[in-house]
């Protein structure tokens, strides 16, 4: 994809990887629209970057996804890049009383939202790129976040199929595959020992410049190339006991 002069929608663009993408795309002279559930988080970004356009939207709710698309189609019909970045991560056990309720929300945001938005926005005449943010956990799960890992495996599979379905169209499908990074995903402080988002963003933009469509970093690169034996060893290392 071209890296400048785009109009880009980034879901979950106010925090974590989404914020890193927002910052870098602005630096590359793009118009960036971000959406998220918390108006306060969106305002904090627009205060820092006055050119950012914000939209409050709960992607877990189907009607709000449709409203987001209709708003874009009416007010930003020249949008050409969709970044499906929004996601939630719950550390939980299947025996927890609220396990299903939390799992349902994870599936709604991590799975249903990106496939619904891909369906909606692929019909936007100006669209040229869909970027899906999966995870190294799509390849080898962490049992403490079983549902999150499974949602990312789904998104990985869906992205491969989506790319094949759109191969004869003008829409390019890019997969961003991060490892654990120093964000507040899951809870504040859970990932503080991992690499900063800034290093990850610098790496994937270099890969975009090189024309790559599967963007990895650190351990996520190793996992995408693992055979069954390596996957087994990696799983046992990540899930001891």
C-alpha atoms as a PDB file:
ATOM      1  CA  UNK A   1       0.000   0.000   0.000  1.00  0.00           C
ATOM      2  CA  UNK A   2       1.059   3.593  -0.449  1.00  0.00           C
ATOM      3  CA  UNK A   3       1.969   5.205   2.855  1.00  0.00           C
ATOM      4  CA  UNK A   4       1.020   8.835   2.232  1.00  0.00           C
ATOM      5  CA  UNK A   5      -2.046  10.860   1.230  1.00  0.00           C
ATOM      6  CA  UNK A   6      -4.567   8.262   2.384  1.00  0.00           C
ATOM      7  CA  UNK A   7      -7.735   8.695   4.409  1.00  0.00           C
ATOM      8  CA  UNK A   8      -7.609   5.960   7.048  1.00  0.00           C
ATOM      9  CA  UNK A   9     -10.053   4.619   9.623  1.00  0.00           C
ATOM     10  CA  UNK A  10      -8.345   2.953  12.599  1.00  0.00           C
ATOM     11  CA  UNK A  11     -10.629   1.136  15.016  1.00  0.00           C
ATOM     12  CA  UNK A  12      -9.368   1.349  18.584  1.00  0.00           C
ATOM     13  CA  UNK A  13      -7.024   4.083  17.416  1.00  0.00           C
ATOM     14  CA  UNK A  14      -6.740   5.924  20.737  1.00  0.00           C
ATOM     15  CA  UNK A  15      -4.539   3.486  22.670  1.00  0.00           C
ATOM     16  CA  UNK A  16      -1.824   0.865  22.273  1.00  0.00           C
ATOM     17  CA  UNK A  17      -0.985  -0.290  18.764  1.00  0.00           C
ATOM     18  CA  UNK A  18      -3.878   1.749  17.385  1.00  0.00           C
ATOM     19  CA  UNK A  19      -2.398   4.947  18.806  1.00  0.00           C
ATOM     20  CA  UNK A  20       1.035   4.020  17.443  1.00  0.00           C
ATOM     21  CA  UNK A  21      -0.489   3.560  13.987  1.00  0.00           C
ATOM     22  CA  UNK A  22      -2.379   6.844  14.332  1.00  0.00           C
ATOM     23  CA  UNK A  23       0.782   8.770  15.191  1.00  0.00           C
ATOM     24  CA  UNK A  24       2.827   7.272  12.380  1.00  0.00           C
ATOM     25  CA  UNK A  25       0.157   7.627   9.705  1.00  0.00           C
ATOM     26  CA  UNK A  26      -0.215  11.298  10.646  1.00  0.00           C
ATOM     27  CA  UNK A  27       3.560  11.732  10.323  1.00  0.00           C
ATOM     28  CA  UNK A  28       3.293  10.204   6.848  1.00  0.00           C
ATOM     29  CA  UNK A  29       0.833  12.929   5.781  1.00  0.00           C
ATOM     30  CA  UNK A  30      -2.382  10.925   5.981  1.00  0.00           C
ATOM     31  CA  UNK A  31      -5.841  11.946   7.187  1.00  0.00           C
ATOM     32  CA  UNK A  32      -6.695   9.692  10.125  1.00  0.00           C
ATOM     33  CA  UNK A  33     -10.089   8.872  11.596  1.00  0.00           C
ATOM     34  CA  UNK A  34     -10.176   6.909  14.843  1.00  0.00           C
ATOM     35  CA  UNK A  35     -13.070   5.320  16.675  1.00  0.00           C
ATOM     36  CA  UNK A  36     -13.443   3.834  20.117  1.00  0.00           C
ATOM     37  CA  UNK A  37     -15.828   3.385  23.009  1.00  0.00           C
ATOM     38  CA  UNK A  38     -14.403   6.065  25.306  1.00  0.00           C
ATOM     39  CA  UNK A  39     -14.909   9.698  24.331  1.00  0.00           C
ATOM     40  CA  UNK A  40     -12.251  10.759  26.855  1.00  0.00           C
ATOM     41  CA  UNK A  41      -9.571   8.611  25.209  1.00  0.00           C
ATOM     42  CA  UNK A  42     -10.489   9.923  21.761  1.00  0.00           C
ATOM     43  CA  UNK A  43     -10.352  13.518  23.004  1.00  0.00           C
ATOM     44  CA  UNK A  44      -6.905  12.954  24.497  1.00  0.00           C
ATOM     45  CA  UNK A  45      -5.653  11.944  21.057  1.00  0.00           C
ATOM     46  CA  UNK A  46      -7.350  14.824  19.229  1.00  0.00           C
ATOM     47  CA  UNK A  47      -5.878  17.248  21.769  1.00  0.00           C
ATOM     48  CA  UNK A  48      -2.407  15.967  20.831  1.00  0.00           C
ATOM     49  CA  UNK A  49      -3.136  15.678  17.122  1.00  0.00           C
ATOM     50  CA  UNK A  50      -5.731  18.289  16.102  1.00  0.00           C
ATOM     51  CA  UNK A  51      -6.060  16.873  12.583  1.00  0.00           C
ATOM     52  CA  UNK A  52      -7.391  13.549  13.886  1.00  0.00           C
ATOM     53  CA  UNK A  53     -11.100  12.969  13.305  1.00  0.00           C
ATOM     54  CA  UNK A  54     -12.837  11.018  16.072  1.00  0.00           C
ATOM     55  CA  UNK A  55     -16.016   8.985  16.355  1.00  0.00           C
ATOM     56  CA  UNK A  56     -17.407   7.298  19.465  1.00  0.00           C
ATOM     57  CA  UNK A  57     -18.479   3.773  18.559  1.00  0.00           C
ATOM     58  CA  UNK A  58     -18.948   0.525  20.463  1.00  0.00           C
ATOM     59  CA  UNK A  59     -17.910  -2.100  17.934  1.00  0.00           C
ATOM     60  CA  UNK A  60     -19.477  -4.864  20.014  1.00  0.00           C
ATOM     61  CA  UNK A  61     -22.882  -3.560  18.902  1.00  0.00           C
ATOM     62  CA  UNK A  62     -23.963  -4.400  15.358  1.00  0.00           C
ATOM     63  CA  UNK A  63     -26.090  -1.286  14.883  1.00  0.00           C
ATOM     64  CA  UNK A  64     -23.191   0.957  15.889  1.00  0.00           C
ATOM     65  CA  UNK A  65     -20.948  -0.735  13.307  1.00  0.00           C
ATOM     66  CA  UNK A  66     -23.561   0.005  10.661  1.00  0.00           C
ATOM     67  CA  UNK A  67     -23.894   3.593  11.880  1.00  0.00           C
ATOM     68  CA  UNK A  68     -20.100   3.980  11.688  1.00  0.00           C
ATOM     69  CA  UNK A  69     -20.076   2.801   8.079  1.00  0.00           C
ATOM     70  CA  UNK A  70     -22.999   5.025   7.101  1.00  0.00           C
ATOM     71  CA  UNK A  71     -21.315   8.036   8.728  1.00  0.00           C
ATOM     72  CA  UNK A  72     -18.100   7.316   6.827  1.00  0.00           C
ATOM     73  CA  UNK A  73     -19.960   6.803   3.536  1.00  0.00           C
ATOM     74  CA  UNK A  74     -21.812  10.097   3.984  1.00  0.00           C
ATOM     75  CA  UNK A  75     -19.032  12.291   5.376  1.00  0.00           C
ATOM     76  CA  UNK A  76     -15.772  10.627   4.276  1.00  0.00           C
ATOM     77  CA  UNK A  77     -16.628   8.807   1.059  1.00  0.00           C
ATOM     78  CA  UNK A  78     -12.995   9.111  -0.062  1.00  0.00           C
ATOM     79  CA  UNK A  79     -11.797   6.815   2.761  1.00  0.00           C
ATOM     80  CA  UNK A  80      -9.451   4.252   1.228  1.00  0.00           C
ATOM     81  CA  UNK A  81      -7.907   2.342   4.159  1.00  0.00           C
ATOM     82  CA  UNK A  82      -9.671   0.362   6.902  1.00  0.00           C
ATOM     83  CA  UNK A  83      -7.548  -0.798   9.850  1.00  0.00           C
ATOM     84  CA  UNK A  84      -9.307  -3.428  11.970  1.00  0.00           C
ATOM     85  CA  UNK A  85      -7.260  -2.925  15.116  1.00  0.00           C
ATOM     86  CA  UNK A  86      -9.753  -2.791  18.021  1.00  0.00           C
ATOM     87  CA  UNK A  87      -9.586  -5.727  20.385  1.00  0.00           C
ATOM     88  CA  UNK A  88     -10.015  -6.731  24.003  1.00  0.00           C
ATOM     89  CA  UNK A  89      -8.178  -9.350  26.019  1.00  0.00           C
ATOM     90  CA  UNK A  90      -9.513 -11.082  29.137  1.00  0.00           C
ATOM     91  CA  UNK A  91      -7.323 -13.180  31.402  1.00  0.00           C
ATOM     92  CA  UNK A  92      -9.788 -15.780  32.631  1.00  0.00           C
ATOM     93  CA  UNK A  93     -10.555 -19.439  33.189  1.00  0.00           C
ATOM     94  CA  UNK A  94     -13.453 -21.441  31.772  1.00  0.00           C
ATOM     95  CA  UNK A  95     -14.576 -22.149  35.361  1.00  0.00           C
ATOM     96  CA  UNK A  96     -15.070 -18.430  36.119  1.00  0.00           C
ATOM     97  CA  UNK A  97     -18.708 -17.445  36.658  1.00  0.00           C
ATOM     98  CA  UNK A  98     -18.461 -14.589  34.159  1.00  0.00           C
ATOM     99  CA  UNK A  99     -16.410 -16.541  31.615  1.00  0.00           C
ATOM    100  CA  UNK A 100     -19.109 -16.777  28.948  1.00  0.00           C
ATOM    101  CA  UNK A 101     -20.176 -13.141  29.264  1.00  0.00           C
ATOM    102  CA  UNK A 102     -16.582 -11.960  28.854  1.00  0.00           C
ATOM    103  CA  UNK A 103     -15.955 -14.439  26.046  1.00  0.00           C
ATOM    104  CA  UNK A 104     -19.052 -13.204  24.232  1.00  0.00           C
ATOM    105  CA  UNK A 105     -17.756  -9.628  24.332  1.00  0.00           C
ATOM    106  CA  UNK A 106     -14.317 -10.713  23.128  1.00  0.00           C
ATOM    107  CA  UNK A 107     -15.813 -12.574  20.187  1.00  0.00           C
ATOM    108  CA  UNK A 108     -18.066  -9.629  19.331  1.00  0.00           C
ATOM    109  CA  UNK A 109     -15.196  -7.140  19.208  1.00  0.00           C
ATOM    110  CA  UNK A 110     -12.305  -9.329  18.053  1.00  0.00           C
ATOM    111  CA  UNK A 111     -14.176 -11.452  15.489  1.00  0.00           C
ATOM    112  CA  UNK A 112     -17.620 -10.162  14.531  1.00  0.00           C
ATOM    113  CA  UNK A 113     -16.553  -6.513  14.307  1.00  0.00           C
ATOM    114  CA  UNK A 114     -13.685  -6.992  11.830  1.00  0.00           C
ATOM    115  CA  UNK A 115     -15.621  -9.386   9.587  1.00  0.00           C
ATOM    116  CA  UNK A 116     -18.658  -7.077   9.621  1.00  0.00           C
ATOM    117  CA  UNK A 117     -16.567  -3.988   8.874  1.00  0.00           C
ATOM    118  CA  UNK A 118     -14.681  -5.797   6.124  1.00  0.00           C
ATOM    119  CA  UNK A 119     -18.008  -6.725   4.569  1.00  0.00           C
ATOM    120  CA  UNK A 120     -19.371  -3.190   4.848  1.00  0.00           C
ATOM    121  CA  UNK A 121     -16.296  -1.258   3.785  1.00  0.00           C
ATOM    122  CA  UNK A 122     -15.343  -3.537   0.894  1.00  0.00           C
ATOM    123  CA  UNK A 123     -18.388  -2.018  -0.788  1.00  0.00           C
ATOM    124  CA  UNK A 124     -17.011   1.515  -0.426  1.00  0.00           C
ATOM    125  CA  UNK A 125     -15.887   2.486  -3.952  1.00  0.00           C
ATOM    126  CA  UNK A 126     -12.772   4.307  -2.734  1.00  0.00           C
ATOM    127  CA  UNK A 127     -11.423   1.479  -0.543  1.00  0.00           C
ATOM    128  CA  UNK A 128      -7.995   0.141  -1.560  1.00  0.00           C
ATOM    129  CA  UNK A 129      -6.646  -1.493   1.626  1.00  0.00           C
ATOM    130  CA  UNK A 130      -7.915  -3.542   4.549  1.00  0.00           C
ATOM    131  CA  UNK A 131      -5.430  -4.062   7.378  1.00  0.00           C
ATOM    132  CA  UNK A 132      -6.256  -6.654  10.046  1.00  0.00           C
ATOM    133  CA  UNK A 133      -4.322  -6.755  13.319  1.00  0.00           C
ATOM    134  CA  UNK A 134      -4.031 -10.389  14.424  1.00  0.00           C
ATOM    135  CA  UNK A 135      -1.348 -11.659  16.841  1.00  0.00           C
ATOM    136  CA  UNK A 136       1.488 -14.103  17.306  1.00  0.00           C
ATOM    137  CA  UNK A 137      -1.033 -15.883  19.546  1.00  0.00           C
ATOM    138  CA  UNK A 138      -2.954 -16.804  16.393  1.00  0.00           C
ATOM    139  CA  UNK A 139      -0.230 -19.406  15.809  1.00  0.00           C
ATOM    140  CA  UNK A 140       0.474 -20.579  19.370  1.00  0.00           C
ATOM    141  CA  UNK A 141      -2.100 -19.825  22.094  1.00  0.00           C
ATOM    142  CA  UNK A 142      -1.540 -18.695  25.652  1.00  0.00           C
ATOM    143  CA  UNK A 143      -3.991 -20.713  27.759  1.00  0.00           C
ATOM    144  CA  UNK A 144      -4.564 -17.879  30.263  1.00  0.00           C
ATOM    145  CA  UNK A 145      -6.137 -15.899  27.430  1.00  0.00           C
ATOM    146  CA  UNK A 146      -7.697 -18.816  25.592  1.00  0.00           C
ATOM    147  CA  UNK A 147     -10.570 -16.938  23.973  1.00  0.00           C
ATOM    148  CA  UNK A 148      -8.391 -14.010  22.897  1.00  0.00           C
ATOM    149  CA  UNK A 149      -5.889 -16.411  21.325  1.00  0.00           C
ATOM    150  CA  UNK A 150      -8.708 -18.222  19.527  1.00  0.00           C
ATOM    151  CA  UNK A 151     -10.179 -14.972  18.188  1.00  0.00           C
ATOM    152  CA  UNK A 152      -6.813 -14.045  16.721  1.00  0.00           C
ATOM    153  CA  UNK A 153      -6.487 -17.480  15.113  1.00  0.00           C
ATOM    154  CA  UNK A 154      -9.892 -16.864  13.560  1.00  0.00           C
ATOM    155  CA  UNK A 155      -8.833 -13.430  12.305  1.00  0.00           C
ATOM    156  CA  UNK A 156      -5.656 -14.897  10.814  1.00  0.00           C
ATOM    157  CA  UNK A 157      -7.662 -17.529   8.938  1.00  0.00           C
ATOM    158  CA  UNK A 158     -10.264 -14.998   7.816  1.00  0.00           C
ATOM    159  CA  UNK A 159      -7.560 -12.627   6.576  1.00  0.00           C
ATOM    160  CA  UNK A 160      -5.995 -15.310   4.392  1.00  0.00           C
ATOM    161  CA  UNK A 161      -9.363 -16.128   2.853  1.00  0.00           C
ATOM    162  CA  UNK A 162     -10.303 -12.465   2.470  1.00  0.00           C
ATOM    163  CA  UNK A 163      -7.065 -11.783   0.612  1.00  0.00           C
ATOM    164  CA  UNK A 164      -7.824 -14.646  -1.769  1.00  0.00           C
ATOM    165  CA  UNK A 165     -11.416 -13.542  -2.313  1.00  0.00           C
ATOM    166  CA  UNK A 166     -10.302  -9.984  -3.132  1.00  0.00           C
ATOM    167  CA  UNK A 167      -7.242 -10.892  -5.197  1.00  0.00           C
ATOM    168  CA  UNK A 168      -8.890  -9.782  -8.447  1.00  0.00           C
ATOM    169  CA  UNK A 169     -10.201  -6.535  -6.953  1.00  0.00           C
ATOM    170  CA  UNK A 170      -8.415  -3.279  -6.238  1.00  0.00           C
ATOM    171  CA  UNK A 171      -8.438  -4.004  -2.480  1.00  0.00           C
ATOM    172  CA  UNK A 172      -5.168  -5.170  -0.906  1.00  0.00           C
ATOM    173  CA  UNK A 173      -5.371  -7.134   2.360  1.00  0.00           C
ATOM    174  CA  UNK A 174      -2.540  -6.651   4.860  1.00  0.00           C
ATOM    175  CA  UNK A 175      -2.067  -8.580   8.113  1.00  0.00           C
ATOM    176  CA  UNK A 176      -0.274  -7.020  11.069  1.00  0.00           C
ATOM    177  CA  UNK A 177       0.991  -9.754  13.412  1.00  0.00           C
ATOM    178  CA  UNK A 178       2.299  -8.266  16.682  1.00  0.00           C
ATOM    179  CA  UNK A 179       3.927 -10.142  19.548  1.00  0.00           C
ATOM    180  CA  UNK A 180       3.354  -9.051  23.136  1.00  0.00           C
ATOM    181  CA  UNK A 181       4.137  -5.341  23.410  1.00  0.00           C
ATOM    182  CA  UNK A 182       4.242  -2.824  26.240  1.00  0.00           C
ATOM    183  CA  UNK A 183       0.573  -1.816  26.147  1.00  0.00           C
ATOM    184  CA  UNK A 184      -2.316  -1.940  28.606  1.00  0.00           C
ATOM    185  CA  UNK A 185      -4.055  -4.747  26.677  1.00  0.00           C
ATOM    186  CA  UNK A 186      -5.577  -7.122  29.228  1.00  0.00           C
ATOM    187  CA  UNK A 187      -4.773  -4.861  32.169  1.00  0.00           C
ATOM    188  CA  UNK A 188      -2.357  -2.109  33.081  1.00  0.00           C
ATOM    189  CA  UNK A 189       1.165  -3.380  33.754  1.00  0.00           C
ATOM    190  CA  UNK A 190       0.675  -6.917  32.420  1.00  0.00           C
ATOM    191  CA  UNK A 191       3.010  -6.328  29.479  1.00  0.00           C
ATOM    192  CA  UNK A 192       5.452  -3.794  30.879  1.00  0.00           C
ATOM    193  CA  UNK A 193       8.503  -6.017  30.240  1.00  0.00           C
ATOM    194  CA  UNK A 194       7.826  -6.291  26.493  1.00  0.00           C
ATOM    195  CA  UNK A 195       9.121  -4.089  23.644  1.00  0.00           C
ATOM    196  CA  UNK A 196       7.635  -0.607  23.200  1.00  0.00           C
ATOM    197  CA  UNK A 197       5.015   0.021  20.560  1.00  0.00           C
ATOM    198  CA  UNK A 198       7.309   2.555  18.879  1.00  0.00           C
ATOM    199  CA  UNK A 199       9.844  -0.146  17.928  1.00  0.00           C
ATOM    200  CA  UNK A 200       7.087  -2.330  16.532  1.00  0.00           C
ATOM    201  CA  UNK A 201       5.584   0.502  14.480  1.00  0.00           C
ATOM    202  CA  UNK A 202       8.985   1.443  13.019  1.00  0.00           C
ATOM    203  CA  UNK A 203       9.548  -2.166  11.976  1.00  0.00           C
ATOM    204  CA  UNK A 204       6.186  -2.735  10.303  1.00  0.00           C
ATOM    205  CA  UNK A 205       6.355   0.536   8.383  1.00  0.00           C
ATOM    206  CA  UNK A 206       9.714  -0.515   6.989  1.00  0.00           C
ATOM    207  CA  UNK A 207       8.051  -3.757   5.886  1.00  0.00           C
ATOM    208  CA  UNK A 208       5.215  -1.796   4.283  1.00  0.00           C
ATOM    209  CA  UNK A 209       7.788   0.262   2.399  1.00  0.00           C
ATOM    210  CA  UNK A 210       9.241  -3.026   1.152  1.00  0.00           C
ATOM    211  CA  UNK A 211       5.833  -4.116  -0.146  1.00  0.00           C
ATOM    212  CA  UNK A 212       5.179  -6.861   2.405  1.00  0.00           C
ATOM    213  CA  UNK A 213       1.603  -7.870   3.261  1.00  0.00           C
ATOM    214  CA  UNK A 214       2.308  -9.961   6.394  1.00  0.00           C
ATOM    215  CA  UNK A 215       4.008  -7.750   8.946  1.00  0.00           C
ATOM    216  CA  UNK A 216       5.783  -9.390  11.879  1.00  0.00           C
ATOM    217  CA  UNK A 217       8.093  -8.340  14.690  1.00  0.00           C
ATOM    218  CA  UNK A 218      10.288 -10.203  17.154  1.00  0.00           C
ATOM    219  CA  UNK A 219       8.784 -13.470  18.337  1.00  0.00           C
ATOM    220  CA  UNK A 220       5.754 -13.179  16.064  1.00  0.00           C
ATOM    221  CA  UNK A 221       8.039 -13.727  13.068  1.00  0.00           C
ATOM    222  CA  UNK A 222       9.366 -16.957  14.627  1.00  0.00           C
ATOM    223  CA  UNK A 223       5.852 -18.211  15.314  1.00  0.00           C
ATOM    224  CA  UNK A 224       4.578 -17.597  11.794  1.00  0.00           C
ATOM    225  CA  UNK A 225       7.344 -19.875  10.501  1.00  0.00           C
ATOM    226  CA  UNK A 226       7.051 -22.642  13.111  1.00  0.00           C
ATOM    227  CA  UNK A 227       6.465 -26.289  12.207  1.00  0.00           C
ATOM    228  CA  UNK A 228       4.395 -28.630  14.383  1.00  0.00           C
ATOM    229  CA  UNK A 229       7.319 -29.644  16.597  1.00  0.00           C
ATOM    230  CA  UNK A 230       8.319 -26.037  17.229  1.00  0.00           C
ATOM    231  CA  UNK A 231       4.696 -25.122  17.942  1.00  0.00           C
ATOM    232  CA  UNK A 232       4.482 -27.924  20.515  1.00  0.00           C
ATOM    233  CA  UNK A 233       7.705 -26.821  22.220  1.00  0.00           C
ATOM    234  CA  UNK A 234       6.621 -23.168  22.155  1.00  0.00           C
ATOM    235  CA  UNK A 235       3.209 -24.039  23.611  1.00  0.00           C
ATOM    236  CA  UNK A 236       4.786 -25.983  26.487  1.00  0.00           C
ATOM    237  CA  UNK A 237       7.136 -23.093  27.190  1.00  0.00           C
ATOM    238  CA  UNK A 238       4.286 -20.552  27.192  1.00  0.00           C
ATOM    239  CA  UNK A 239       1.922 -22.788  29.164  1.00  0.00           C
ATOM    240  CA  UNK A 240       3.967 -24.609  31.829  1.00  0.00           C
ATOM    241  CA  UNK A 241       2.503 -27.051  34.304  1.00  0.00           C
END
